[in-house]
Amino acid sequence: MDYNNKRSKDLSTLRDIQIAKLAFIGASIATLGDGIGAVAAALALEALENPIDDERSSNQAPQMKQIETTQHQLDYFINELIQIRESINRVI
């Protein structure tokens, strides 16, 4: 009887750990989604505030810097999603 009780508690604990891991993964994905949404909103706001015209097209250095920064942020988010996917594969 003691063996069955211990096994039942172990299975319950394992299930609780898996549930907690999935909750963490879900929260991480939601947070990354919010970050990507914030980057997109910032880009949209900047595009509305600073429309491209012929006079400014000669001064593209600041815009290129912004594009590079955005690309680095997106690369970071993509790497985070890859790590989350790997965590999911370990849980399953």
Foldseek 3Di string as FASTA:
>chain_A
DVVVVVVVVVVVVLVVVLVVLVVVLVVLVVVLVVVVVVLVVVVVVVCVVDPDDPVCVVVCVVVVVSVVVSVVSVVVSVVSVVVSVVSVVVSD
